[in-house]
PDB file of N, CA and C in Angstrom:
ATOM      1  N   MET A   1       0.850  -1.175   0.000  1.00  0.00           N
ATOM      2  CA  MET A   1       0.000   0.000   0.000  1.00  0.00           C
ATOM      3  C   MET A   1       0.899   1.243   0.000  1.00  0.00           C
ATOM      4  N   ARG A   2       0.609   2.148  -0.906  1.00  0.00           N
ATOM      5  CA  ARG A   2       1.395   3.380  -1.022  1.00  0.00           C
ATOM      6  C   ARG A   2       1.045   4.341   0.104  1.00  0.00           C
ATOM      7  N   PRO A   3       1.945   5.257   0.459  1.00  0.00           N
ATOM      8  CA  PRO A   3       1.641   6.252   1.497  1.00  0.00           C
ATOM      9  C   PRO A   3       0.437   7.123   1.136  1.00  0.00           C
ATOM     10  N   ALA A   4       0.255   7.406  -0.146  1.00  0.00           N
ATOM     11  CA  ALA A   4      -0.891   8.215  -0.568  1.00  0.00           C
ATOM     12  C   ALA A   4      -2.203   7.471  -0.319  1.00  0.00           C
ATOM     13  N   ASP A   5      -2.191   6.148  -0.497  1.00  0.00           N
ATOM     14  CA  ASP A   5      -3.387   5.344  -0.227  1.00  0.00           C
ATOM     15  C   ASP A   5      -3.728   5.359   1.256  1.00  0.00           C
ATOM     16  N   ARG A   6      -2.708   5.293   2.086  1.00  0.00           N
ATOM     17  CA  ARG A   6      -2.936   5.362   3.535  1.00  0.00           C
ATOM     18  C   ARG A   6      -3.512   6.719   3.933  1.00  0.00           C
ATOM     19  N   ALA A   7      -2.975   7.760   3.328  1.00  0.00           N
ATOM     20  CA  ALA A   7      -3.477   9.100   3.625  1.00  0.00           C
ATOM     21  C   ALA A   7      -4.933   9.244   3.190  1.00  0.00           C
ATOM     22  N   LEU A   8      -5.257   8.707   2.018  1.00  0.00           N
ATOM     23  CA  LEU A   8      -6.635   8.765   1.533  1.00  0.00           C
ATOM     24  C   LEU A   8      -7.569   7.969   2.438  1.00  0.00           C
ATOM     25  N   LEU A   9      -7.116   6.817   2.887  1.00  0.00           N
ATOM     26  CA  LEU A   9      -7.913   5.990   3.794  1.00  0.00           C
ATOM     27  C   LEU A   9      -8.147   6.723   5.127  1.00  0.00           C
ATOM     28  N   LEU A  10      -7.123   7.362   5.629  1.00  0.00           N
ATOM     29  CA  LEU A  10      -7.250   8.127   6.867  1.00  0.00           C
ATOM     30  C   LEU A  10      -8.199   9.315   6.693  1.00  0.00           C
ATOM     31  N   LEU A  11      -8.088   9.983   5.558  1.00  0.00           N
ATOM     32  CA  LEU A  11      -8.979  11.107   5.265  1.00  0.00           C
ATOM     33  C   LEU A  11     -10.435  10.644   5.144  1.00  0.00           C
ATOM     34  N   ALA A  12     -10.656   9.507   4.501  1.00  0.00           N
ATOM     35  CA  ALA A  12     -12.009   8.964   4.363  1.00  0.00           C
ATOM     36  C   ALA A  12     -12.580   8.567   5.726  1.00  0.00           C
ATOM     37  N   ALA A  13     -11.741   7.959   6.568  1.00  0.00           N
ATOM     38  CA  ALA A  13     -12.211   7.583   7.910  1.00  0.00           C
ATOM     39  C   ALA A  13     -12.563   8.825   8.725  1.00  0.00           C
ATOM     40  N   GLY A  14     -11.766   9.859   8.600  1.00  0.00           N
ATOM     41  CA  GLY A  14     -12.073  11.113   9.303  1.00  0.00           C
ATOM     42  C   GLY A  14     -13.353  11.746   8.788  1.00  0.00           C
ATOM     43  N   GLY A  15     -13.580  11.695   7.474  1.00  0.00           N
ATOM     44  CA  GLY A  15     -14.815  12.224   6.898  1.00  0.00           C
ATOM     45  C   GLY A  15     -16.041  11.460   7.373  1.00  0.00           C
ATOM     46  N   CYS A  16     -15.915  10.135   7.461  1.00  0.00           N
ATOM     47  CA  CYS A  16     -17.030   9.322   7.968  1.00  0.00           C
ATOM     48  C   CYS A  16     -17.313   9.637   9.433  1.00  0.00           C
ATOM     49  N   ALA A  17     -16.265   9.801  10.237  1.00  0.00           N
ATOM     50  CA  ALA A  17     -16.457  10.138  11.648  1.00  0.00           C
ATOM     51  C   ALA A  17     -17.126  11.506  11.784  1.00  0.00           C
ATOM     52  N   PHE A  18     -16.734  12.447  10.928  1.00  0.00           N
ATOM     53  CA  PHE A  18     -17.338  13.781  10.947  1.00  0.00           C
ATOM     54  C   PHE A  18     -18.825  13.704  10.601  1.00  0.00           C
ATOM     55  N   ALA A  19     -19.173  12.933   9.578  1.00  0.00           N
ATOM     56  CA  ALA A  19     -20.580  12.769   9.185  1.00  0.00           C
ATOM     57  C   ALA A  19     -21.379  12.076  10.286  1.00  0.00           C
ATOM     58  N   LEU A  20     -20.768  11.104  10.955  1.00  0.00           N
ATOM     59  CA  LEU A  20     -21.451  10.420  12.054  1.00  0.00           C
ATOM     60  C   LEU A  20     -21.731  11.360  13.225  1.00  0.00           C
ATOM     61  N   CYS A  21     -20.880  12.343  13.424  1.00  0.00           N
ATOM     62  CA  CYS A  21     -21.141  13.336  14.478  1.00  0.00           C
ATOM     63  C   CYS A  21     -22.435  14.091  14.202  1.00  0.00           C
ATOM     64  N   PHE A  22     -22.656  14.471  12.941  1.00  0.00           N
ATOM     65  CA  PHE A  22     -23.890  15.171  12.591  1.00  0.00           C
ATOM     66  C   PHE A  22     -25.102  14.250  12.708  1.00  0.00           C
ATOM     67  N   ALA A  23     -24.948  13.008  12.316  1.00  0.00           N
ATOM     68  CA  ALA A  23     -26.056  12.055  12.440  1.00  0.00           C
ATOM     69  C   ALA A  23     -26.412  11.831  13.909  1.00  0.00           C
ATOM     70  N   ASP A  24     -25.420  11.735  14.772  1.00  0.00           N
ATOM     71  CA  ASP A  24     -25.673  11.556  16.202  1.00  0.00           C
ATOM     72  C   ASP A  24     -26.339  12.801  16.795  1.00  0.00           C
ATOM     73  N   ALA A  25     -25.912  13.979  16.376  1.00  0.00           N
ATOM     74  CA  ALA A  25     -26.534  15.216  16.870  1.00  0.00           C
ATOM     75  C   ALA A  25     -27.997  15.292  16.461  1.00  0.00           C
ATOM     76  N   ALA A  26     -28.311  14.888  15.227  1.00  0.00           N
ATOM     77  CA  ALA A  26     -29.706  14.882  14.771  1.00  0.00           C
ATOM     78  C   ALA A  26     -30.530  13.882  15.572  1.00  0.00           C
ATOM     79  N   ARG A  27     -29.952  12.739  15.870  1.00  0.00           N
ATOM     80  CA  ARG A  27     -30.664  11.725  16.664  1.00  0.00           C
ATOM     81  C   ARG A  27     -30.939  12.251  18.068  1.00  0.00           C
ATOM     82  N   LEU A  28     -29.957  12.876  18.676  1.00  0.00           N
ATOM     83  CA  LEU A  28     -30.141  13.407  20.033  1.00  0.00           C
ATOM     84  C   LEU A  28     -31.155  14.551  20.056  1.00  0.00           C
ATOM     85  N   ARG A  29     -31.145  15.386  19.011  1.00  0.00           N
ATOM     86  CA  ARG A  29     -32.113  16.490  18.949  1.00  0.00           C
ATOM     87  C   ARG A  29     -33.536  15.953  18.818  1.00  0.00           C
ATOM     88  N   ALA A  30     -33.720  14.919  18.005  1.00  0.00           N
ATOM     89  CA  ALA A  30     -35.045  14.331  17.838  1.00  0.00           C
ATOM     90  C   ALA A  30     -35.518  13.682  19.139  1.00  0.00           C
ATOM     91  N   ALA A  31     -34.592  13.072  19.864  1.00  0.00           N
ATOM     92  CA  ALA A  31     -34.966  12.425  21.123  1.00  0.00           C
ATOM     93  C   ALA A  31     -35.300  13.449  22.206  1.00  0.00           C
ATOM     94  N   ALA A  32     -34.727  14.642  22.139  1.00  0.00           N
ATOM     95  CA  ALA A  32     -34.944  15.665  23.169  1.00  0.00           C
ATOM     96  C   ALA A  32     -36.030  16.655  22.776  1.00  0.00           C
ATOM     97  N   GLY A  33     -36.812  16.368  21.762  1.00  0.00           N
ATOM     98  CA  GLY A  33     -37.847  17.295  21.287  1.00  0.00           C
ATOM     99  C   GLY A  33     -38.795  17.781  22.369  1.00  0.00           C
ATOM    100  N   PRO A  34     -39.471  16.884  23.099  1.00  0.00           N
ATOM    101  CA  PRO A  34     -40.400  17.340  24.142  1.00  0.00           C
ATOM    102  C   PRO A  34     -39.688  18.083  25.285  1.00  0.00           C
ATOM    103  N   ASP A  35     -38.490  17.642  25.633  1.00  0.00           N
ATOM    104  CA  ASP A  35     -37.748  18.314  26.700  1.00  0.00           C
ATOM    105  C   ASP A  35     -37.346  19.727  26.295  1.00  0.00           C
ATOM    106  N   GLU A  36     -37.016  19.896  25.017  1.00  0.00           N
ATOM    107  CA  GLU A  36     -36.595  21.218  24.547  1.00  0.00           C
ATOM    108  C   GLU A  36     -37.764  22.204  24.601  1.00  0.00           C
ATOM    109  N   ALA A  37     -38.949  21.760  24.254  1.00  0.00           N
ATOM    110  CA  ALA A  37     -40.121  22.635  24.336  1.00  0.00           C
ATOM    111  C   ALA A  37     -40.387  23.046  25.788  1.00  0.00           C
ATOM    112  N   GLU A  38     -40.206  22.120  26.707  1.00  0.00           N
ATOM    113  CA  GLU A  38     -40.399  22.431  28.126  1.00  0.00           C
ATOM    114  C   GLU A  38     -39.348  23.425  28.617  1.00  0.00           C
ATOM    115  N   ARG A  39     -38.108  23.233  28.191  1.00  0.00           N
ATOM    116  CA  ARG A  39     -37.040  24.167  28.583  1.00  0.00           C
ATOM    117  C   ARG A  39     -37.290  25.561  28.014  1.00  0.00           C
ATOM    118  N   THR A  40     -37.769  25.631  26.790  1.00  0.00           N
ATOM    119  CA  THR A  40     -38.074  26.922  26.176  1.00  0.00           C
ATOM    120  C   THR A  40     -39.177  27.634  26.954  1.00  0.00           C
ATOM    121  N   ARG A  41     -40.196  26.894  27.368  1.00  0.00           N
ATOM    122  CA  ARG A  41     -41.273  27.484  28.150  1.00  0.00           C
ATOM    123  C   ARG A  41     -40.755  27.974  29.501  1.00  0.00           C
ATOM    124  N   LEU A  42     -39.890  27.195  30.138  1.00  0.00           N
ATOM    125  CA  LEU A  42     -39.333  27.566  31.434  1.00  0.00           C
ATOM    126  C   LEU A  42     -38.454  28.820  31.339  1.00  0.00           C
ATOM    127  N   VAL A  43     -37.663  28.918  30.284  1.00  0.00           N
ATOM    128  CA  VAL A  43     -36.822  30.106  30.082  1.00  0.00           C
ATOM    129  C   VAL A  43     -37.694  31.344  29.922  1.00  0.00           C
ATOM    130  N   GLY A  44     -38.765  31.241  29.183  1.00  0.00           N
ATOM    131  CA  GLY A  44     -39.679  32.371  29.021  1.00  0.00           C
ATOM    132  C   GLY A  44     -40.377  32.734  30.322  1.00  0.00           C
ATOM    133  N   GLN A  45     -40.767  31.733  31.093  1.00  0.00           N
ATOM    134  CA  GLN A  45     -41.453  31.978  32.355  1.00  0.00           C
ATOM    135  C   GLN A  45     -40.522  32.621  33.385  1.00  0.00           C
ATOM    136  N   LEU A  46     -39.269  32.178  33.446  1.00  0.00           N
ATOM    137  CA  LEU A  46     -38.314  32.712  34.415  1.00  0.00           C
ATOM    138  C   LEU A  46     -37.585  33.961  33.912  1.00  0.00           C
ATOM    139  N   ARG A  47     -37.801  34.306  32.643  1.00  0.00           N
ATOM    140  CA  ARG A  47     -37.179  35.478  32.012  1.00  0.00           C
ATOM    141  C   ARG A  47     -35.659  35.431  32.124  1.00  0.00           C
ATOM    142  N   LEU A  48     -35.097  34.302  31.742  1.00  0.00           N
ATOM    143  CA  LEU A  48     -33.653  34.137  31.790  1.00  0.00           C
ATOM    144  C   LEU A  48     -32.991  34.896  30.650  1.00  0.00           C
ATOM    145  N   THR A  49     -31.760  35.333  30.862  1.00  0.00           N
ATOM    146  CA  THR A  49     -31.029  36.041  29.819  1.00  0.00           C
ATOM    147  C   THR A  49     -30.376  35.045  28.878  1.00  0.00           C
ATOM    148  N   ASP A  50     -29.675  35.574  27.903  1.00  0.00           N
ATOM    149  CA  ASP A  50     -29.009  34.720  26.934  1.00  0.00           C
ATOM    150  C   ASP A  50     -27.808  34.003  27.548  1.00  0.00           C
ATOM    151  N   LEU A  51     -27.339  33.006  26.853  1.00  0.00           N
ATOM    152  CA  LEU A  51     -26.219  32.197  27.303  1.00  0.00           C
ATOM    153  C   LEU A  51     -24.925  33.009  27.266  1.00  0.00           C
ATOM    154  N   ALA A  52     -24.105  32.910  28.289  1.00  0.00           N
ATOM    155  CA  ALA A  52     -22.812  33.595  28.323  1.00  0.00           C
ATOM    156  C   ALA A  52     -21.795  32.770  27.548  1.00  0.00           C
ATOM    157  N   LEU A  53     -21.482  33.205  26.329  1.00  0.00           N
ATOM    158  CA  LEU A  53     -20.564  32.456  25.477  1.00  0.00           C
ATOM    159  C   LEU A  53     -19.113  32.870  25.663  1.00  0.00           C
ATOM    160  N   PHE A  54     -18.885  34.116  26.020  1.00  0.00           N
ATOM    161  CA  PHE A  54     -17.537  34.629  26.157  1.00  0.00           C
ATOM    162  C   PHE A  54     -17.344  35.153  27.569  1.00  0.00           C
ATOM    163  N   THR A  55     -16.104  35.185  28.033  1.00  0.00           N
ATOM    164  CA  THR A  55     -15.841  35.601  29.408  1.00  0.00           C
ATOM    165  C   THR A  55     -15.006  36.868  29.501  1.00  0.00           C
ATOM    166  N   GLU A  56     -14.727  37.520  28.390  1.00  0.00           N
ATOM    167  CA  GLU A  56     -13.791  38.632  28.407  1.00  0.00           C
ATOM    168  C   GLU A  56     -14.366  39.920  28.977  1.00  0.00           C
ATOM    169  N   ALA A  57     -15.368  40.443  28.370  1.00  0.00           N
ATOM    170  CA  ALA A  57     -15.898  41.745  28.770  1.00  0.00           C
ATOM    171  C   ALA A  57     -17.395  41.637  28.985  1.00  0.00           C
ATOM    172  N   ARG A  58     -17.946  42.565  29.741  1.00  0.00           N
ATOM    173  CA  ARG A  58     -19.370  42.457  30.069  1.00  0.00           C
ATOM    174  C   ARG A  58     -20.261  42.593  28.847  1.00  0.00           C
ATOM    175  N   TYR A  59     -19.832  43.350  27.849  1.00  0.00           N
ATOM    176  CA  TYR A  59     -20.659  43.502  26.664  1.00  0.00           C
ATOM    177  C   TYR A  59     -20.539  42.318  25.707  1.00  0.00           C
ATOM    178  N   THR A  60     -19.575  41.417  25.924  1.00  0.00           N
ATOM    179  CA  THR A  60     -19.530  40.191  25.127  1.00  0.00           C
ATOM    180  C   THR A  60     -20.088  39.004  25.896  1.00  0.00           C
ATOM    181  N   ARG A  61     -20.173  39.105  27.223  1.00  0.00           N
ATOM    182  CA  ARG A  61     -20.747  38.014  28.016  1.00  0.00           C
ATOM    183  C   ARG A  61     -22.251  37.932  27.807  1.00  0.00           C
ATOM    184  N   HIS A  62     -22.934  39.037  27.927  1.00  0.00           N
ATOM    185  CA  HIS A  62     -24.393  39.081  27.777  1.00  0.00           C
ATOM    186  C   HIS A  62     -24.747  40.211  26.820  1.00  0.00           C
ATOM    187  N   PRO A  63     -24.723  39.962  25.511  1.00  0.00           N
ATOM    188  CA  PRO A  63     -24.970  41.040  24.549  1.00  0.00           C
ATOM    189  C   PRO A  63     -26.332  41.704  24.705  1.00  0.00           C
ATOM    190  N   SER A  64     -27.349  40.973  25.127  1.00  0.00           N
ATOM    191  CA  SER A  64     -28.665  41.591  25.259  1.00  0.00           C
ATOM    192  C   SER A  64     -28.764  42.474  26.493  1.00  0.00           C
ATOM    193  N   GLN A  65     -27.835  42.338  27.431  1.00  0.00           N
ATOM    194  CA  GLN A  65     -27.868  43.114  28.664  1.00  0.00           C
ATOM    195  C   GLN A  65     -26.884  44.283  28.661  1.00  0.00           C
ATOM    196  N   ALA A  66     -26.058  44.406  27.639  1.00  0.00           N
ATOM    197  CA  ALA A  66     -25.021  45.428  27.612  1.00  0.00           C
ATOM    198  C   ALA A  66     -25.568  46.746  27.085  1.00  0.00           C
ATOM    199  N   ASP A  67     -25.020  47.838  27.594  1.00  0.00           N
ATOM    200  CA  ASP A  67     -25.378  49.124  27.011  1.00  0.00           C
ATOM    201  C   ASP A  67     -24.587  49.292  25.718  1.00  0.00           C
ATOM    202  N   LEU A  68     -25.053  50.144  24.830  1.00  0.00           N
ATOM    203  CA  LEU A  68     -24.486  50.236  23.490  1.00  0.00           C
ATOM    204  C   LEU A  68     -23.113  50.895  23.464  1.00  0.00           C
ATOM    205  N   HIS A  69     -22.743  51.616  24.507  1.00  0.00           N
ATOM    206  CA  HIS A  69     -21.482  52.355  24.499  1.00  0.00           C
ATOM    207  C   HIS A  69     -20.409  51.705  25.360  1.00  0.00           C
ATOM    208  N   SER A  70     -20.660  50.550  25.937  1.00  0.00           N
ATOM    209  CA  SER A  70     -19.680  49.937  26.829  1.00  0.00           C
ATOM    210  C   SER A  70     -18.422  49.489  26.097  1.00  0.00           C
ATOM    211  N   ALA A  71     -18.516  49.223  24.813  1.00  0.00           N
ATOM    212  CA  ALA A  71     -17.319  48.844  24.057  1.00  0.00           C
ATOM    213  C   ALA A  71     -16.365  50.028  23.902  1.00  0.00           C
ATOM    214  N   PHE A  72     -16.889  51.241  24.010  1.00  0.00           N
ATOM    215  CA  PHE A  72     -16.083  52.443  23.821  1.00  0.00           C
ATOM    216  C   PHE A  72     -15.927  53.212  25.125  1.00  0.00           C
ATOM    217  N   GLN A  73     -15.856  52.499  26.253  1.00  0.00           N
ATOM    218  CA  GLN A  73     -15.814  53.157  27.547  1.00  0.00           C
ATOM    219  C   GLN A  73     -14.509  53.897  27.788  1.00  0.00           C
ATOM    220  N   ASP A  74     -13.405  53.477  27.145  1.00  0.00           N
ATOM    221  CA  ASP A  74     -12.133  54.150  27.343  1.00  0.00           C
ATOM    222  C   ASP A  74     -12.037  55.427  26.511  1.00  0.00           C
ATOM    223  N   HIS A  75     -12.470  55.345  25.266  1.00  0.00           N
ATOM    224  CA  HIS A  75     -12.396  56.485  24.369  1.00  0.00           C
ATOM    225  C   HIS A  75     -13.335  56.213  23.203  1.00  0.00           C
ATOM    226  N   PRO A  76     -14.043  57.204  22.674  1.00  0.00           N
ATOM    227  CA  PRO A  76     -14.986  56.950  21.580  1.00  0.00           C
ATOM    228  C   PRO A  76     -14.347  56.383  20.314  1.00  0.00           C
ATOM    229  N   LEU A  77     -13.075  56.695  20.090  1.00  0.00           N
ATOM    230  CA  LEU A  77     -12.408  56.193  18.882  1.00  0.00           C
ATOM    231  C   LEU A  77     -11.449  55.047  19.180  1.00  0.00           C
ATOM    232  N   ALA A  78     -11.551  54.475  20.368  1.00  0.00           N
ATOM    233  CA  ALA A  78     -10.649  53.392  20.757  1.00  0.00           C
ATOM    234  C   ALA A  78     -10.927  52.145  19.923  1.00  0.00           C
ATOM    235  N   LEU A  79      -9.869  51.422  19.623  1.00  0.00           N
ATOM    236  CA  LEU A  79     -10.020  50.168  18.899  1.00  0.00           C
ATOM    237  C   LEU A  79     -10.509  49.082  19.852  1.00  0.00           C
ATOM    238  N   GLU A  80     -11.176  48.100  19.288  1.00  0.00           N
ATOM    239  CA  GLU A  80     -11.662  46.970  20.073  1.00  0.00           C
ATOM    240  C   GLU A  80     -10.475  46.179  20.612  1.00  0.00           C
ATOM    241  N   HIS A  81     -10.371  46.044  21.926  1.00  0.00           N
ATOM    242  CA  HIS A  81      -9.231  45.319  22.470  1.00  0.00           C
ATOM    243  C   HIS A  81      -9.582  43.915  22.945  1.00  0.00           C
ATOM    244  N   PHE A  82     -10.832  43.498  22.795  1.00  0.00           N
ATOM    245  CA  PHE A  82     -11.214  42.121  23.077  1.00  0.00           C
ATOM    246  C   PHE A  82     -11.552  41.443  21.749  1.00  0.00           C
ATOM    247  N   PRO A  83     -10.938  40.309  21.451  1.00  0.00           N
ATOM    248  CA  PRO A  83     -11.196  39.653  20.161  1.00  0.00           C
ATOM    249  C   PRO A  83     -12.654  39.245  19.967  1.00  0.00           C
ATOM    250  N   THR A  84     -13.342  38.910  21.032  1.00  0.00           N
ATOM    251  CA  THR A  84     -14.723  38.449  20.862  1.00  0.00           C
ATOM    252  C   THR A  84     -15.655  39.576  20.445  1.00  0.00           C
ATOM    253  N   GLY A  85     -15.252  40.804  20.615  1.00  0.00           N
ATOM    254  CA  GLY A  85     -16.075  41.918  20.155  1.00  0.00           C
ATOM    255  C   GLY A  85     -16.271  41.911  18.652  1.00  0.00           C
ATOM    256  N   SER A  86     -15.350  41.315  17.923  1.00  0.00           N
ATOM    257  CA  SER A  86     -15.480  41.223  16.470  1.00  0.00           C
ATOM    258  C   SER A  86     -16.198  39.946  16.043  1.00  0.00           C
ATOM    259  N   LEU A  87     -16.487  39.046  16.971  1.00  0.00           N
ATOM    260  CA  LEU A  87     -17.144  37.785  16.624  1.00  0.00           C
ATOM    261  C   LEU A  87     -18.656  37.836  16.750  1.00  0.00           C
ATOM    262  N   ILE A  88     -19.171  38.752  17.561  1.00  0.00           N
ATOM    263  CA  ILE A  88     -20.616  38.825  17.725  1.00  0.00           C
ATOM    264  C   ILE A  88     -21.158  40.024  16.961  1.00  0.00           C
ATOM    265  N   ALA A  89     -22.324  39.866  16.407  1.00  0.00           N
ATOM    266  CA  ALA A  89     -22.949  40.943  15.637  1.00  0.00           C
ATOM    267  C   ALA A  89     -23.645  41.925  16.586  1.00  0.00           C
ATOM    268  N   PRO A  90     -23.867  43.129  16.132  1.00  0.00           N
ATOM    269  CA  PRO A  90     -24.652  44.061  16.947  1.00  0.00           C
ATOM    270  C   PRO A  90     -26.059  43.518  17.138  1.00  0.00           C
ATOM    271  N   PRO A  91     -26.727  43.891  18.214  1.00  0.00           N
ATOM    272  CA  PRO A  91     -28.084  43.387  18.443  1.00  0.00           C
ATOM    273  C   PRO A  91     -29.036  43.790  17.317  1.00  0.00           C
ATOM    274  N   ALA A  92     -29.966  42.914  17.016  1.00  0.00           N
ATOM    275  CA  ALA A  92     -30.930  43.193  15.948  1.00  0.00           C
ATOM    276  C   ALA A  92     -31.785  44.406  16.284  1.00  0.00           C
ATOM    277  N   SER A  93     -32.029  44.630  17.570  1.00  0.00           N
ATOM    278  CA  SER A  93     -32.843  45.783  17.962  1.00  0.00           C
ATOM    279  C   SER A  93     -32.154  47.089  17.605  1.00  0.00           C
ATOM    280  N   LEU A  94     -30.825  47.101  17.571  1.00  0.00           N
ATOM    281  CA  LEU A  94     -30.088  48.303  17.194  1.00  0.00           C
ATOM    282  C   LEU A  94     -30.356  48.660  15.741  1.00  0.00           C
ATOM    283  N   ALA A  95     -30.397  47.668  14.875  1.00  0.00           N
ATOM    284  CA  ALA A  95     -30.686  47.922  13.462  1.00  0.00           C
ATOM    285  C   ALA A  95     -32.120  48.400  13.284  1.00  0.00           C
ATOM    286  N   ARG A  96     -33.054  47.837  14.044  1.00  0.00           N
ATOM    287  CA  ARG A  96     -34.451  48.261  13.941  1.00  0.00           C
ATOM    288  C   ARG A  96     -34.644  49.679  14.452  1.00  0.00           C
ATOM    289  N   VAL A  97     -33.941  50.025  15.530  1.00  0.00           N
ATOM    290  CA  VAL A  97     -34.065  51.375  16.080  1.00  0.00           C
ATOM    291  C   VAL A  97     -33.547  52.383  15.076  1.00  0.00           C
ATOM    292  N   GLY A  98     -32.408  52.087  14.458  1.00  0.00           N
ATOM    293  CA  GLY A  98     -31.842  53.005  13.468  1.00  0.00           C
ATOM    294  C   GLY A  98     -32.763  53.194  12.276  1.00  0.00           C
ATOM    295  N   ALA A  99     -33.365  52.112  11.810  1.00  0.00           N
ATOM    296  CA  ALA A  99     -34.286  52.209  10.676  1.00  0.00           C
ATOM    297  C   ALA A  99     -35.540  52.975  11.066  1.00  0.00           C
ATOM    298  N   GLY A 100     -36.023  52.758  12.286  1.00  0.00           N
ATOM    299  CA  GLY A 100     -37.225  53.463  12.753  1.00  0.00           C
ATOM    300  C   GLY A 100     -36.973  54.938  12.943  1.00  0.00           C
ATOM    301  N   ASP A 101     -35.786  55.300  13.426  1.00  0.00           N
ATOM    302  CA  ASP A 101     -35.467  56.705  13.620  1.00  0.00           C
ATOM    303  C   ASP A 101     -35.402  57.442  12.298  1.00  0.00           C
ATOM    304  N   THR A 102     -34.858  56.780  11.270  1.00  0.00           N
ATOM    305  CA  THR A 102     -34.759  57.407   9.964  1.00  0.00           C
ATOM    306  C   THR A 102     -36.150  57.667   9.400  1.00  0.00           C
ATOM    307  N   ALA A 103     -37.024  56.672   9.531  1.00  0.00           N
ATOM    308  CA  ALA A 103     -38.382  56.834   9.017  1.00  0.00           C
ATOM    309  C   ALA A 103     -39.111  57.921   9.785  1.00  0.00           C
ATOM    310  N   THR A 104     -38.902  57.990  11.097  1.00  0.00           N
ATOM    311  CA  THR A 104     -39.565  59.003  11.900  1.00  0.00           C
ATOM    312  C   THR A 104     -39.056  60.386  11.540  1.00  0.00           C
ATOM    313  N   SER A 105     -37.734  60.530  11.341  1.00  0.00           N
ATOM    314  CA  SER A 105     -37.190  61.843  11.020  1.00  0.00           C
ATOM    315  C   SER A 105     -37.634  62.288   9.624  1.00  0.00           C
ATOM    316  N   GLU A 106     -37.779  61.334   8.696  1.00  0.00           N
ATOM    317  CA  GLU A 106     -38.245  61.698   7.371  1.00  0.00           C
ATOM    318  C   GLU A 106     -39.693  62.151   7.433  1.00  0.00           C
ATOM    319  N   GLU A 107     -40.505  61.452   8.221  1.00  0.00           N
ATOM    320  CA  GLU A 107     -41.900  61.847   8.370  1.00  0.00           C
ATOM    321  C   GLU A 107     -42.007  63.201   9.041  1.00  0.00           C
ATOM    322  N   GLY A 108     -41.154  63.409  10.073  1.00  0.00           N
ATOM    323  CA  GLY A 108     -41.186  64.673  10.791  1.00  0.00           C
ATOM    324  C   GLY A 108     -40.761  65.832   9.906  1.00  0.00           C
ATOM    325  N   GLY A 109     -39.800  65.568   9.010  1.00  0.00           N
ATOM    326  CA  GLY A 109     -39.324  66.623   8.119  1.00  0.00           C
ATOM    327  C   GLY A 109     -40.327  66.945   7.027  1.00  0.00           C
ATOM    328  N   ALA A 110     -41.190  65.975   6.681  1.00  0.00           N
ATOM    329  CA  ALA A 110     -42.152  66.193   5.611  1.00  0.00           C
ATOM    330  C   ALA A 110     -43.323  67.019   6.083  1.00  0.00           C
ATOM    331  N   LYS A 111     -43.556  67.060   7.408  1.00  0.00           N
ATOM    332  CA  LYS A 111     -44.743  67.779   7.900  1.00  0.00           C
ATOM    333  C   LYS A 111     -44.565  69.239   7.876  1.00  0.00           C
TER     334      LYS A 111
END
């Protein structure tokens, strides 16, 4: 057996293991269907916040709980010094507020 054949065999085995991971995740999700609905109801009832994915700064730990200017607390033109600040998107409500303000100002200017 040539070294290239061994490498191909190893690559194929890794690809199969990767595909099996997705199949197992789908099986576990299907098995947890009723439990997930119950957990979703409980989160809504207890008004829990979002999951803390990052541990660096308060505005990356709980994006829905952060004020909009906490990333620029040192200086308004300061560069982002936490890498996770570039990994999360701005909150969707921020985009809606900006769009709503523009529409309101246009309406106000037309009157």
